[in-house]
Amino acid sequence: MNGKTVLIMLLVVAAAAVFMLLKPYGNAPTVPPVQPKATEEELEGYIAGSNAFAMEIYQVLASSGNNLFFSPYSISCCLSMVYCGARGKTYAEMKQALHFPLSTSVVSSAVAILTKELLQGKALRMANSLWIQENHPLSPSFVRLMEDGYGAPPHTVDFAASPTSAREKINAWAKKETDAKITKLIPSDGVDSTTSVALANAIYFRDTWEYRFQPLPESRNFHLLDGTTTKVPMMHVAASLEYMQGETYQAVVLPYVERLSMLLLVPDEGAFQTLQASLSEEKLSSILTALEKQTVRLTMPEFEYETGFRLREALERLGMKEAFSSSADFSGISEKPLQIGDVFHKAFVHVDEQGTEAAAATGTSMMGRGLVRNVSITVDRPFIFLIRDEASGVILFVGQVVSPQVGE
């Protein structure tokens, strides 16, 4: 691994991200401590950029045609910590690939402000951490920025003498912060004796539906992309929901009890790849603008699955190449050579009639009055879903279900 490692791990119900870095240069320029100075316009710019990144990396990851689940917001947050120490071409490429339209100080401020807003309720939890090799010097201003702006005080570990012990400590942190949903954030080959610095982000989400689903008594057929079918547990609800009909798909919003919601995108039969390929930040905005309240009778599958992949190739395809090379410039982090080696991502999602990773259902079901028409949707074929914050509009999680799986 030659000491160049970066890891990211996340999940809909829990997510974690870790980076290990190294590269050469001179004196580290000063990084000012984060201050809540991002204006409302700048915050909106950061959110728009985050959503654009979410849709672009979805297009790269979705090409496998498999079940998919990840947290673009967690990836963006974790990479923003590294971005604060990037310089030169490394900085320019990260800015473009991650759609950061702002300076590093304003980005870190926007992240801090938005995170504070998102954590006002009880459904969402996020945390960051910084792990440093013993005696490895970091820029004091960078350490202060991580502490003040990201709530990530440094943890000293000994990658050089005991990489296994260091890995276990980071994994234990991730397990704790994700309610034991991510137990092995860093794989056995994820760190070695040349690792110097690790940055981590974890996000955990758990909430109940605002409108209670009821399970169907028997499993129903779900039509797979290859034309075959599989029996899956299904659930249904009738409620006043935001809905729109596109040319080849339907969209419906399922609110949670707190401030988040799930946007379901259900393609017509045979139109999954068409919808998948067309999904962008602009298309998503047009869908959200066209939503109207309707009485919706929705039937959809329960599902639970895990995903895991390396993100280096995906990020390089988006233009972030220099950060992974031996010429990377992270002199804002340390005078010692640093570069990103790879980015590992792990995710888990569970959806049933109670909610998303919910232990109990507390929602009420109310029907709207005077609505234009009744709409029926049966989700018995591959679909796409996004979990968003209704207040800010930021996309926290993205997934596609091509074959529903239910855990034991």
Foldseek 3Di string as FASTA:
>chain_A
DQQFAWAWAAAPQKTKTKFFKFAADAAADFQAAADLPQDPVLLLQLQLLLQQLVLLLLLVVCVVVAWDKFFSVQVLVQVLLLLSLFDDPLNVLCCQLSVNPDDSNNNLSSNQVVVVVVVPDDFKDKAKEKEFEPPADWDPNSQNNCCRRGVYHYDYDHQQPCVPVVQQVVLVVRCVRSVNPRNRRADPPRGHNSTGMMMMMMMGGEFFWQAFKAKDPFWDWFAFPVGDTDTFTKIKTWAWWWWDDDPFWIWTWTDTPDQKIKIWIAGHVPCPVVCSNPDGSVVVVVRVVRTDIATEIEMEGWFKDKDKDKCPVSSVVSRSDLQQDNNTGSSNTHNGGIGHPIYMYMYIWGQDRTGINYPHHDHHGDYDPPGDDYHYYYRRAKIKMWMARNVSGRTGMIIIHRDGDDDD
